[in-house]
Amino acid sequence: MERGGYVYILTNINHRVLYIGVTANLRNRILEHKAKIYPNSFTSKYNCTLLIYFEFYDSIEEAIAREKQLKNWKRVWKMELIQKVNPNFTALSSDVYD
């Protein structure tokens, strides 16, 4: 049985840092980032807790492939991708809690 997956981008309050991740359960993963349950992680160190972008894929393998692709992009390309759907970099966390 295949499970779907999400690719997501987090940032900090200043929007200076971008973190790209992949997960099968976006809601729980965002809660983990916000709670900083991994205190030595990149997201904890740089306070990346604001969800500003996500994509859903029917399989986790597709999501992983997309994550790898995005991680190889230049920052300007990532910013353009985010701005297409979220021009104000509004935190989207409430979208995944509903």
Protein backbone atom coordinates (compact mmCIF):
# COMPACT_ATOMS: atom_id res chain seq x y z
CA MET A 1 0.00 0.00 0.00
CA GLU A 2 1.42 3.35 -1.04
CA ARG A 3 1.05 6.39 1.14
CA GLY A 4 1.02 9.94 -0.05
CA GLY A 5 3.57 12.49 0.98
CA TYR A 6 4.18 16.19 1.32
CA VAL A 7 7.09 18.40 0.41
CA TYR A 8 7.11 21.52 2.53
CA ILE A 9 9.11 24.67 3.04
CA LEU A 10 9.60 26.36 6.39
CA THR A 11 11.18 29.69 7.18
CA ASN A 12 11.95 31.81 10.22
CA ILE A 13 10.35 35.09 11.24
CA ASN A 14 12.82 37.10 9.11
CA HIS A 15 12.43 34.83 6.06
CA ARG A 16 16.21 34.56 5.84
CA VAL A 17 16.39 30.79 6.06
CA LEU A 18 14.51 28.22 4.01
CA TYR A 19 14.16 24.58 5.06
CA ILE A 20 12.78 21.96 2.69
CA GLY A 21 11.44 18.73 4.12
CA VAL A 22 9.30 15.73 3.24
CA THR A 23 6.78 13.85 5.36
CA ALA A 24 3.79 11.53 5.16
CA ASN A 25 1.96 13.48 7.90
CA LEU A 26 2.32 17.23 7.44
CA ARG A 27 0.25 18.23 10.47
CA ASN A 28 2.30 16.17 12.92
CA ARG A 29 5.60 17.15 11.34
CA ILE A 30 4.84 20.88 11.61
CA LEU A 31 3.87 20.41 15.25
CA GLU A 32 7.22 18.67 15.83
CA HIS A 33 9.09 21.60 14.26
CA LYS A 34 7.16 24.11 16.35
CA ALA A 35 7.80 22.14 19.55
CA LYS A 36 11.49 21.78 18.64
CA ILE A 37 11.47 18.14 19.70
CA TYR A 38 14.84 17.75 17.96
CA PRO A 39 16.76 20.58 19.65
CA ASN A 40 19.95 20.06 17.63
CA SER A 41 18.19 20.05 14.25
CA PHE A 42 18.60 22.69 11.55
CA THR A 43 15.06 23.94 12.03
CA SER A 44 15.51 24.32 15.78
CA LYS A 45 18.85 26.06 15.41
CA TYR A 46 17.50 28.59 12.90
CA ASN A 47 13.96 28.84 14.35
CA CYS A 48 12.27 27.60 11.18
CA THR A 49 8.71 27.12 12.34
CA LEU A 50 6.63 28.98 9.74
CA LEU A 51 5.11 26.79 7.05
CA ILE A 52 5.05 28.89 3.88
CA TYR A 53 4.69 26.29 1.12
CA PHE A 54 3.66 22.68 0.60
CA GLU A 55 2.80 20.23 -2.15
CA PHE A 56 1.02 16.88 -1.88
CA TYR A 57 1.97 13.80 -3.88
CA ASP A 58 0.13 10.49 -4.20
CA SER A 59 3.25 8.55 -3.22
CA ILE A 60 5.99 9.31 -0.73
CA GLU A 61 8.54 8.37 -3.39
CA GLU A 62 7.28 11.20 -5.60
CA ALA A 63 7.48 13.60 -2.67
CA ILE A 64 11.07 12.53 -1.92
CA ALA A 65 12.05 13.04 -5.56
CA ARG A 66 10.52 16.54 -5.52
CA GLU A 67 12.29 17.37 -2.24
CA LYS A 68 15.64 16.43 -3.77
CA GLN A 69 14.85 18.53 -6.84
CA LEU A 70 13.93 21.60 -4.78
CA LYS A 71 17.00 21.27 -2.58
CA ASN A 72 19.14 21.61 -5.70
CA TRP A 73 17.40 24.79 -6.83
CA LYS A 74 18.87 28.25 -6.41
CA ARG A 75 17.33 30.32 -3.64
CA VAL A 76 15.79 32.77 -6.12
CA TRP A 77 13.90 29.91 -7.83
CA LYS A 78 12.58 28.70 -4.46
CA MET A 79 11.44 32.21 -3.58
CA GLU A 80 9.65 32.55 -6.92
CA LEU A 81 7.89 29.20 -6.38
CA ILE A 82 6.70 30.27 -2.93
CA GLN A 83 5.59 33.72 -4.12
CA LYS A 84 3.38 32.21 -6.84
CA VAL A 85 1.07 30.66 -4.24
CA ASN A 86 1.92 32.64 -1.12
CA PRO A 87 3.08 36.14 -2.15
CA ASN A 88 3.07 37.51 1.40
CA PHE A 89 4.82 34.50 2.93
CA THR A 90 1.84 34.02 5.23
CA ALA A 91 2.15 31.10 7.67
CA LEU A 92 0.02 28.29 6.30
CA SER A 93 -0.03 26.14 9.42
CA SER A 94 -3.74 26.66 9.96
CA ASP A 95 -4.34 25.14 6.51
CA VAL A 96 -2.97 21.79 7.70
CA TYR A 97 -4.76 21.78 11.06
CA ASP A 98 -8.27 21.84 9.59
